[in-house]
mmCIF file of all heavy atoms, coordinates in Angstrom:
data_MODEL
# 
_entry.id   MODEL 
# 
loop_
_atom_site.group_PDB 
_atom_site.id 
_atom_site.type_symbol 
_atom_site.label_atom_id 
_atom_site.label_alt_id 
_atom_site.label_comp_id 
_atom_site.label_asym_id 
_atom_site.label_entity_id 
_atom_site.label_seq_id 
_atom_site.pdbx_PDB_ins_code 
_atom_site.Cartn_x 
_atom_site.Cartn_y 
_atom_site.Cartn_z 
_atom_site.occupancy 
_atom_site.B_iso_or_equiv 
_atom_site.pdbx_formal_charge 
_atom_site.auth_seq_id 
_atom_site.auth_comp_id 
_atom_site.auth_asym_id 
_atom_site.auth_atom_id 
_atom_site.pdbx_PDB_model_num 
ATOM 1   N N   . THR A 1 1  ? -35.148 40.071 144.771 1.00 0.00 ? 1  THR A N   1 
ATOM 2   C CA  . THR A 1 1  ? -34.397 38.896 144.335 1.00 0.00 ? 1  THR A CA  1 
ATOM 3   C C   . THR A 1 1  ? -33.635 39.239 143.068 1.00 0.00 ? 1  THR A C   1 
ATOM 4   O O   . THR A 1 1  ? -33.962 40.220 142.365 1.00 0.00 ? 1  THR A O   1 
ATOM 5   C CB  . THR A 1 1  ? -35.341 37.719 144.067 1.00 0.00 ? 1  THR A CB  1 
ATOM 6   O OG1 . THR A 1 1  ? -36.259 38.082 143.063 1.00 0.00 ? 1  THR A OG1 1 
ATOM 7   C CG2 . THR A 1 1  ? -36.093 37.337 145.355 1.00 0.00 ? 1  THR A CG2 1 
ATOM 8   N N   . GLN A 1 2  ? -32.713 38.451 142.841 1.00 0.00 ? 2  GLN A N   1 
ATOM 9   C CA  . GLN A 1 2  ? -31.905 38.649 141.624 1.00 0.00 ? 2  GLN A CA  1 
ATOM 10  C C   . GLN A 1 2  ? -32.116 37.511 140.660 1.00 0.00 ? 2  GLN A C   1 
ATOM 11  O O   . GLN A 1 2  ? -32.167 36.357 141.072 1.00 0.00 ? 2  GLN A O   1 
ATOM 12  C CB  . GLN A 1 2  ? -30.417 38.751 141.984 1.00 0.00 ? 2  GLN A CB  1 
ATOM 13  C CG  . GLN A 1 2  ? -30.087 40.021 142.757 1.00 0.00 ? 2  GLN A CG  1 
ATOM 14  C CD  . GLN A 1 2  ? -28.602 40.110 143.036 1.00 0.00 ? 2  GLN A CD  1 
ATOM 15  O OE1 . GLN A 1 2  ? -27.882 39.112 142.967 1.00 0.00 ? 2  GLN A OE1 1 
ATOM 16  N NE2 . GLN A 1 2  ? -28.134 41.316 143.324 1.00 0.00 ? 2  GLN A NE2 1 
ATOM 17  N N   . GLU A 1 3  ? -32.240 37.844 139.385 1.00 0.00 ? 3  GLU A N   1 
ATOM 18  C CA  . GLU A 1 3  ? -32.400 36.860 138.329 1.00 0.00 ? 3  GLU A CA  1 
ATOM 19  C C   . GLU A 1 3  ? -31.249 36.984 137.344 1.00 0.00 ? 3  GLU A C   1 
ATOM 20  O O   . GLU A 1 3  ? -30.797 38.102 137.029 1.00 0.00 ? 3  GLU A O   1 
ATOM 21  C CB  . GLU A 1 3  ? -33.716 37.063 137.590 1.00 0.00 ? 3  GLU A CB  1 
ATOM 22  C CG  . GLU A 1 3  ? -34.923 36.811 138.464 1.00 0.00 ? 3  GLU A CG  1 
ATOM 23  C CD  . GLU A 1 3  ? -36.206 36.978 137.670 1.00 0.00 ? 3  GLU A CD  1 
ATOM 24  O OE1 . GLU A 1 3  ? -36.103 37.348 136.486 1.00 0.00 ? 3  GLU A OE1 1 
ATOM 25  O OE2 . GLU A 1 3  ? -37.288 36.717 138.255 1.00 0.00 ? 3  GLU A OE2 1 
ATOM 26  N N   . ALA A 1 4  ? -30.788 35.884 136.910 1.00 0.00 ? 4  ALA A N   1 
ATOM 27  C CA  . ALA A 1 4  ? -29.682 35.882 135.915 1.00 0.00 ? 4  ALA A CA  1 
ATOM 28  C C   . ALA A 1 4  ? -30.220 36.207 134.537 1.00 0.00 ? 4  ALA A C   1 
ATOM 29  O O   . ALA A 1 4  ? -31.190 35.606 134.074 1.00 0.00 ? 4  ALA A O   1 
ATOM 30  C CB  . ALA A 1 4  ? -28.983 34.524 135.908 1.00 0.00 ? 4  ALA A CB  1 
ATOM 31  N N   . VAL A 1 5  ? -29.581 37.182 133.878 1.00 0.00 ? 5  VAL A N   1 
ATOM 32  C CA  . VAL A 1 5  ? -29.984 37.568 132.513 1.00 0.00 ? 5  VAL A CA  1 
ATOM 33  C C   . VAL A 1 5  ? -28.815 37.251 131.567 1.00 0.00 ? 5  VAL A C   1 
ATOM 34  O O   . VAL A 1 5  ? -27.683 37.717 131.822 1.00 0.00 ? 5  VAL A O   1 
ATOM 35  C CB  . VAL A 1 5  ? -30.328 39.067 132.447 1.00 0.00 ? 5  VAL A CB  1 
ATOM 36  C CG1 . VAL A 1 5  ? -30.701 39.476 131.022 1.00 0.00 ? 5  VAL A CG1 1 
ATOM 37  C CG2 . VAL A 1 5  ? -31.445 39.360 133.427 1.00 0.00 ? 5  VAL A CG2 1 
ATOM 38  N N   . PRO A 1 6  ? -29.029 36.497 130.584 1.00 0.00 ? 6  PRO A N   1 
ATOM 39  C CA  . PRO A 1 6  ? -27.926 36.140 129.669 1.00 0.00 ? 6  PRO A CA  1 
ATOM 40  C C   . PRO A 1 6  ? -27.396 37.371 128.949 1.00 0.00 ? 6  PRO A C   1 
ATOM 41  O O   . PRO A 1 6  ? -28.176 38.237 128.535 1.00 0.00 ? 6  PRO A O   1 
ATOM 42  C CB  . PRO A 1 6  ? -28.552 35.122 128.707 1.00 0.00 ? 6  PRO A CB  1 
ATOM 43  C CG  . PRO A 1 6  ? -30.015 35.394 128.797 1.00 0.00 ? 6  PRO A CG  1 
ATOM 44  C CD  . PRO A 1 6  ? -30.295 35.909 130.160 1.00 0.00 ? 6  PRO A CD  1 
ATOM 45  N N   . LYS A 1 7  ? -26.114 37.448 128.844 1.00 0.00 ? 7  LYS A N   1 
ATOM 46  C CA  . LYS A 1 7  ? -25.482 38.581 128.143 1.00 0.00 ? 7  LYS A CA  1 
ATOM 47  C C   . LYS A 1 7  ? -25.296 38.237 126.665 1.00 0.00 ? 7  LYS A C   1 
ATOM 48  O O   . LYS A 1 7  ? -25.517 37.121 126.237 1.00 0.00 ? 7  LYS A O   1 
ATOM 49  C CB  . LYS A 1 7  ? -24.130 38.883 128.786 1.00 0.00 ? 7  LYS A CB  1 
ATOM 50  C CG  . LYS A 1 7  ? -24.270 39.342 130.235 1.00 0.00 ? 7  LYS A CG  1 
ATOM 51  C CD  . LYS A 1 7  ? -22.931 39.693 130.839 1.00 0.00 ? 7  LYS A CD  1 
ATOM 52  C CE  . LYS A 1 7  ? -22.367 40.921 130.124 1.00 0.00 ? 7  LYS A CE  1 
ATOM 53  N NZ  . LYS A 1 7  ? -21.072 41.373 130.719 1.00 0.00 ? 7  LYS A NZ  1 
ATOM 54  N N   . SER A 1 8  ? -24.902 39.213 125.953 1.00 0.00 ? 8  SER A N   1 
ATOM 55  C CA  . SER A 1 8  ? -24.674 39.034 124.512 1.00 0.00 ? 8  SER A CA  1 
ATOM 56  C C   . SER A 1 8  ? -23.491 38.112 124.277 1.00 0.00 ? 8  SER A C   1 
ATOM 57  O O   . SER A 1 8  ? -22.641 37.977 125.139 1.00 0.00 ? 8  SER A O   1 
ATOM 58  C CB  . SER A 1 8  ? -24.427 40.385 123.849 1.00 0.00 ? 8  SER A CB  1 
ATOM 59  O OG  . SER A 1 8  ? -23.301 41.013 124.437 1.00 0.00 ? 8  SER A OG  1 
ATOM 60  N N   . PRO A 1 9  ? -23.415 37.507 123.077 1.00 0.00 ? 9  PRO A N   1 
ATOM 61  C CA  . PRO A 1 9  ? -22.314 36.573 122.803 1.00 0.00 ? 9  PRO A CA  1 
ATOM 62  C C   . PRO A 1 9  ? -20.980 37.274 122.953 1.00 0.00 ? 9  PRO A C   1 
ATOM 63  O O   . PRO A 1 9  ? -20.832 38.440 122.627 1.00 0.00 ? 9  PRO A O   1 
ATOM 64  C CB  . PRO A 1 9  ? -22.557 36.107 121.366 1.00 0.00 ? 9  PRO A CB  1 
ATOM 65  C CG  . PRO A 1 9  ? -24.013 36.337 121.166 1.00 0.00 ? 9  PRO A CG  1 
ATOM 66  C CD  . PRO A 1 9  ? -24.390 37.530 121.962 1.00 0.00 ? 9  PRO A CD  1 
ATOM 67  N N   . GLY A 1 10 ? -20.036 36.550 123.436 1.00 0.00 ? 10 GLY A N   1 
ATOM 68  C CA  . GLY A 1 10 ? -18.690 37.053 123.639 1.00 0.00 ? 10 GLY A CA  1 
ATOM 69  C C   . GLY A 1 10 ? -18.403 37.452 125.062 1.00 0.00 ? 10 GLY A C   1 
ATOM 70  O O   . GLY A 1 10 ? -17.281 37.797 125.386 1.00 0.00 ? 10 GLY A O   1 
ATOM 71  N N   . THR A 1 11 ? -19.414 37.413 125.891 1.00 0.00 ? 11 THR A N   1 
ATOM 72  C CA  . THR A 1 11 ? -19.208 37.739 127.307 1.00 0.00 ? 11 THR A CA  1 
ATOM 73  C C   . THR A 1 11 ? -19.183 36.471 128.093 1.00 0.00 ? 11 THR A C   1 
ATOM 74  O O   . THR A 1 11 ? -19.919 35.522 127.792 1.00 0.00 ? 11 THR A O   1 
ATOM 75  C CB  . THR A 1 11 ? -20.310 38.669 127.822 1.00 0.00 ? 11 THR A CB  1 
ATOM 76  O OG1 . THR A 1 11 ? -21.543 38.018 127.683 1.00 0.00 ? 11 THR A OG1 1 
ATOM 77  C CG2 . THR A 1 11 ? -20.307 39.976 127.073 1.00 0.00 ? 11 THR A CG2 1 
ATOM 78  N N   . SER A 1 12 ? -18.392 36.427 129.141 1.00 0.00 ? 12 SER A N   1 
ATOM 79  C CA  . SER A 1 12 ? -18.229 35.201 129.910 1.00 0.00 ? 12 SER A CA  1 
ATOM 80  C C   . SER A 1 12 ? -18.995 35.201 131.212 1.00 0.00 ? 12 SER A C   1 
ATOM 81  O O   . SER A 1 12 ? -19.227 34.169 131.801 1.00 0.00 ? 12 SER A O   1 
ATOM 82  C CB  . SER A 1 12 ? -16.733 34.974 130.216 1.00 0.00 ? 12 SER A CB  1 
ATOM 83  O OG  . SER A 1 12 ? -16.217 36.076 130.956 1.00 0.00 ? 12 SER A OG  1 
ATOM 84  N N   . GLU A 1 13 ? -19.395 36.300 131.738 1.00 0.00 ? 13 GLU A N   1 
ATOM 85  C CA  . GLU A 1 13 ? -20.073 36.359 133.031 1.00 0.00 ? 13 GLU A CA  1 
ATOM 86  C C   . GLU A 1 13 ? -21.521 36.770 132.857 1.00 0.00 ? 13 GLU A C   1 
ATOM 87  O O   . GLU A 1 13 ? -21.825 37.679 132.080 1.00 0.00 ? 13 GLU A O   1 
ATOM 88  C CB  . GLU A 1 13 ? -19.397 37.356 133.966 1.00 0.00 ? 13 GLU A CB  1 
ATOM 89  C CG  . GLU A 1 13 ? -17.997 36.960 134.342 1.00 0.00 ? 13 GLU A CG  1 
ATOM 90  C CD  . GLU A 1 13 ? -17.357 37.999 135.263 1.00 0.00 ? 13 GLU A CD  1 
ATOM 91  O OE1 . GLU A 1 13 ? -18.057 38.993 135.545 1.00 0.00 ? 13 GLU A OE1 1 
ATOM 92  O OE2 . GLU A 1 13 ? -16.226 37.783 135.716 1.00 0.00 ? 13 GLU A OE2 1 
ATOM 93  N N   . PRO A 1 14 ? -22.427 36.087 133.503 1.00 0.00 ? 14 PRO A N   1 
ATOM 94  C CA  . PRO A 1 14 ? -23.845 36.489 133.413 1.00 0.00 ? 14 PRO A CA  1 
ATOM 95  C C   . PRO A 1 14 ? -24.059 37.764 134.211 1.00 0.00 ? 14 PRO A C   1 
ATOM 96  O O   . PRO A 1 14 ? -23.356 38.036 135.166 1.00 0.00 ? 14 PRO A O   1 
ATOM 97  C CB  . PRO A 1 14 ? -24.601 35.303 134.024 1.00 0.00 ? 14 PRO A CB  1 
ATOM 98  C CG  . PRO A 1 14 ? -23.636 34.697 134.969 1.00 0.00 ? 14 PRO A CG  1 
ATOM 99  C CD  . PRO A 1 14 ? -22.277 34.908 134.345 1.00 0.00 ? 14 PRO A CD  1 
ATOM 100 N N   . SER A 1 15 ? -24.987 38.523 133.735 1.00 0.00 ? 15 SER A N   1 
ATOM 101 C CA  . SER A 1 15 ? -25.357 39.741 134.470 1.00 0.00 ? 15 SER A CA  1 
ATOM 102 C C   . SER A 1 15 ? -26.625 39.491 135.248 1.00 0.00 ? 15 SER A C   1 
ATOM 103 O O   . SER A 1 15 ? -27.447 38.664 134.883 1.00 0.00 ? 15 SER A O   1 
ATOM 104 C CB  . SER A 1 15 ? -25.545 40.902 133.475 1.00 0.00 ? 15 SER A CB  1 
ATOM 105 O OG  . SER A 1 15 ? -26.613 40.616 132.595 1.00 0.00 ? 15 SER A OG  1 
ATOM 106 N N   . TYR A 1 16 ? -26.795 40.210 136.292 1.00 0.00 ? 16 TYR A N   1 
ATOM 107 C CA  . TYR A 1 16 ? -27.958 40.028 137.180 1.00 0.00 ? 16 TYR A CA  1 
ATOM 108 C C   . TYR A 1 16 ? -28.775 41.301 137.187 1.00 0.00 ? 16 TYR A C   1 
ATOM 109 O O   . TYR A 1 16 ? -28.230 42.400 137.233 1.00 0.00 ? 16 TYR A O   1 
ATOM 110 C CB  . TYR A 1 16 ? -27.484 39.704 138.595 1.00 0.00 ? 16 TYR A CB  1 
ATOM 111 C CG  . TYR A 1 16 ? -26.788 38.377 138.700 1.00 0.00 ? 16 TYR A CG  1 
ATOM 112 C CD1 . TYR A 1 16 ? -25.412 38.296 138.492 1.00 0.00 ? 16 TYR A CD1 1 
ATOM 113 C CD2 . TYR A 1 16 ? -27.496 37.221 138.982 1.00 0.00 ? 16 TYR A CD2 1 
ATOM 114 C CE1 . TYR A 1 16 ? -24.762 37.090 138.583 1.00 0.00 ? 16 TYR A CE1 1 
ATOM 115 C CE2 . TYR A 1 16 ? -26.838 36.008 139.062 1.00 0.00 ? 16 TYR A CE2 1 
ATOM 116 C CZ  . TYR A 1 16 ? -25.482 35.950 138.878 1.00 0.00 ? 16 TYR A CZ  1 
ATOM 117 O OH  . TYR A 1 16 ? -24.850 34.737 138.963 1.00 0.00 ? 16 TYR A OH  1 
ATOM 118 N N   . THR A 1 17 ? -30.014 41.125 137.127 1.00 0.00 ? 17 THR A N   1 
ATOM 119 C CA  . THR A 1 17 ? -30.928 42.272 137.204 1.00 0.00 ? 17 THR A CA  1 
ATOM 120 C C   . THR A 1 17 ? -31.762 42.152 138.451 1.00 0.00 ? 17 THR A C   1 
ATOM 121 O O   . THR A 1 17 ? -32.106 41.066 138.902 1.00 0.00 ? 17 THR A O   1 
ATOM 122 C CB  . THR A 1 17 ? -31.841 42.342 135.976 1.00 0.00 ? 17 THR A CB  1 
ATOM 123 O OG1 . THR A 1 17 ? -32.656 43.497 136.104 1.00 0.00 ? 17 THR A OG1 1 
ATOM 124 C CG2 . THR A 1 17 ? -32.747 41.104 135.879 1.00 0.00 ? 17 THR A CG2 1 
ATOM 125 N N   . SER A 1 18 ? -32.080 43.249 138.966 1.00 0.00 ? 18 SER A N   1 
ATOM 126 C CA  . SER A 1 18 ? -32.855 43.274 140.205 1.00 0.00 ? 18 SER A CA  1 
ATOM 127 C C   . SER A 1 18 ? -34.330 43.223 139.897 1.00 0.00 ? 18 SER A C   1 
ATOM 128 O O   . SER A 1 18 ? -34.816 44.000 139.060 1.00 0.00 ? 18 SER A O   1 
ATOM 129 C CB  . SER A 1 18 ? -32.518 44.538 140.998 1.00 0.00 ? 18 SER A CB  1 
ATOM 130 O OG  . SER A 1 18 ? -33.319 44.609 142.136 1.00 0.00 ? 18 SER A OG  1 
ATOM 131 N N   . VAL A 1 19 ? -35.026 42.317 140.592 1.00 0.00 ? 19 VAL A N   1 
ATOM 132 C CA  . VAL A 1 19 ? -36.478 42.171 140.402 1.00 0.00 ? 19 VAL A CA  1 
ATOM 133 C C   . VAL A 1 19 ? -37.156 42.400 141.734 1.00 0.00 ? 19 VAL A C   1 
ATOM 134 O O   . VAL A 1 19 ? -36.812 41.753 142.735 1.00 0.00 ? 19 VAL A O   1 
ATOM 135 C CB  . VAL A 1 19 ? -36.840 40.778 139.867 1.00 0.00 ? 19 VAL A CB  1 
ATOM 136 C CG1 . VAL A 1 19 ? -38.348 40.654 139.714 1.00 0.00 ? 19 VAL A CG1 1 
ATOM 137 C CG2 . VAL A 1 19 ? -36.147 40.541 138.549 1.00 0.00 ? 19 VAL A CG2 1 
ATOM 138 N N   . ASN A 1 20 ? -38.047 43.275 141.712 1.00 0.00 ? 20 ASN A N   1 
ATOM 139 C CA  . ASN A 1 20 ? -38.787 43.589 142.952 1.00 0.00 ? 20 ASN A CA  1 
ATOM 140 C C   . ASN A 1 20 ? -40.046 42.753 143.000 1.00 0.00 ? 20 ASN A C   1 
ATOM 141 O O   . ASN A 1 20 ? -40.919 42.889 142.154 1.00 0.00 ? 20 ASN A O   1 
ATOM 142 C CB  . ASN A 1 20 ? -39.122 45.075 142.960 1.00 0.00 ? 20 ASN A CB  1 
ATOM 143 C CG  . ASN A 1 20 ? -39.691 45.509 144.300 1.00 0.00 ? 20 ASN A CG  1 
ATOM 144 O OD1 . ASN A 1 20 ? -39.871 44.672 145.174 1.00 0.00 ? 20 ASN A OD1 1 
ATOM 145 N ND2 . ASN A 1 20 ? -39.952 46.793 144.430 1.00 0.00 ? 20 ASN A ND2 1 
ATOM 146 N N   . ARG A 1 21 ? -40.124 41.830 144.013 1.00 0.00 ? 21 ARG A N   1 
ATOM 147 C CA  . ARG A 1 21 ? -41.294 40.948 144.156 1.00 0.00 ? 21 ARG A CA  1 
ATOM 148 C C   . ARG A 1 21 ? -42.407 41.610 144.940 1.00 0.00 ? 21 ARG A C   1 
ATOM 149 O O   . ARG A 1 21 ? -43.523 41.153 144.916 1.00 0.00 ? 21 ARG A O   1 
ATOM 150 C CB  . ARG A 1 21 ? -40.879 39.668 144.874 1.00 0.00 ? 21 ARG A CB  1 
ATOM 151 C CG  . ARG A 1 21 ? -39.844 38.845 144.112 1.00 0.00 ? 21 ARG A CG  1 
ATOM 152 C CD  . ARG A 1 21 ? -40.350 38.353 142.812 1.00 0.00 ? 21 ARG A CD  1 
ATOM 153 N NE  . ARG A 1 21 ? -39.378 37.511 142.150 1.00 0.00 ? 21 ARG A NE  1 
ATOM 154 C CZ  . ARG A 1 21 ? -39.588 36.988 140.941 1.00 0.00 ? 21 ARG A CZ  1 
ATOM 155 N NH1 . ARG A 1 21 ? -40.703 37.258 140.272 1.00 0.00 ? 21 ARG A NH1 1 
ATOM 156 N NH2 . ARG A 1 21 ? -38.661 36.231 140.371 1.00 0.00 ? 21 ARG A NH2 1 
ATOM 157 N N   . GLY A 1 22 ? -42.029 42.595 145.667 1.00 0.00 ? 22 GLY A N   1 
ATOM 158 C CA  . GLY A 1 22 ? -43.059 43.237 146.488 1.00 0.00 ? 22 GLY A CA  1 
ATOM 159 C C   . GLY A 1 22 ? -43.601 44.460 145.788 1.00 0.00 ? 22 GLY A C   1 
ATOM 160 O O   . GLY A 1 22 ? -43.402 44.688 144.599 1.00 0.00 ? 22 GLY A O   1 
ATOM 161 N N   . PRO A 1 23 ? -44.254 45.305 146.528 1.00 0.00 ? 23 PRO A N   1 
ATOM 162 C CA  . PRO A 1 23 ? -44.802 46.541 145.963 1.00 0.00 ? 23 PRO A CA  1 
ATOM 163 C C   . PRO A 1 23 ? -43.677 47.407 145.436 1.00 0.00 ? 23 PRO A C   1 
ATOM 164 O O   . PRO A 1 23 ? -42.639 47.573 146.067 1.00 0.00 ? 23 PRO A O   1 
ATOM 165 C CB  . PRO A 1 23 ? -45.514 47.185 147.147 1.00 0.00 ? 23 PRO A CB  1 
ATOM 166 C CG  . PRO A 1 23 ? -45.790 46.050 148.071 1.00 0.00 ? 23 PRO A CG  1 
ATOM 167 C CD  . PRO A 1 23 ? -44.636 45.125 147.906 1.00 0.00 ? 23 PRO A CD  1 
ATOM 168 N N   . ALA A 1 24 ? -43.857 47.981 144.289 1.00 0.00 ? 24 ALA A N   1 
ATOM 169 C CA  . ALA A 1 24 ? -42.812 48.793 143.659 1.00 0.00 ? 24 ALA A CA  1 
ATOM 170 C C   . ALA A 1 24 ? -42.695 50.129 144.337 1.00 0.00 ? 24 ALA A C   1 
ATOM 171 O O   . ALA A 1 24 ? -43.689 50.710 144.781 1.00 0.00 ? 24 ALA A O   1 
ATOM 172 C CB  . ALA A 1 24 ? -43.121 49.004 142.166 1.00 0.00 ? 24 ALA A CB  1 
ATOM 173 N N   . LEU A 1 25 ? -41.480 50.639 144.431 1.00 0.00 ? 25 LEU A N   1 
ATOM 174 C CA  . LEU A 1 25 ? -41.240 51.959 144.987 1.00 0.00 ? 25 LEU A CA  1 
ATOM 175 C C   . LEU A 1 25 ? -41.201 52.973 143.853 1.00 0.00 ? 25 LEU A C   1 
ATOM 176 O O   . LEU A 1 25 ? -40.835 52.667 142.707 1.00 0.00 ? 25 LEU A O   1 
ATOM 177 C CB  . LEU A 1 25 ? -39.919 51.970 145.766 1.00 0.00 ? 25 LEU A CB  1 
ATOM 178 C CG  . LEU A 1 25 ? -39.863 51.020 146.967 1.00 0.00 ? 25 LEU A CG  1 
ATOM 179 C CD1 . LEU A 1 25 ? -38.475 51.082 147.614 1.00 0.00 ? 25 LEU A CD1 1 
ATOM 180 C CD2 . LEU A 1 25 ? -40.944 51.371 147.961 1.00 0.00 ? 25 LEU A CD2 1 
ATOM 181 N N   . ASP A 1 26 ? -41.515 54.188 144.101 1.00 0.00 ? 26 ASP A N   1 
ATOM 182 C CA  . ASP A 1 26 ? -41.590 55.229 143.054 1.00 0.00 ? 26 ASP A CA  1 
ATOM 183 C C   . ASP A 1 26 ? -40.227 55.475 142.435 1.00 0.00 ? 26 ASP A C   1 
ATOM 184 O O   . ASP A 1 26 ? -40.075 55.576 141.212 1.00 0.00 ? 26 ASP A O   1 
ATOM 185 C CB  . ASP A 1 26 ? -42.141 56.510 143.632 1.00 0.00 ? 26 ASP A CB  1 
ATOM 186 C CG  . ASP A 1 26 ? -43.598 56.355 144.043 1.00 0.00 ? 26 ASP A CG  1 
ATOM 187 O OD1 . ASP A 1 26 ? -44.250 55.406 143.532 1.00 0.00 ? 26 ASP A OD1 1 
ATOM 188 O OD2 . ASP A 1 26 ? -44.057 57.160 144.870 1.00 0.00 ? 26 ASP A OD2 1 
# 
């Protein structure tokens, strides 16, 4: 799933980080 991560001030678009809900891969 993807979660929205707020960017530093001065940026207009949110960045998305990938979150693994299942078992992690190496």
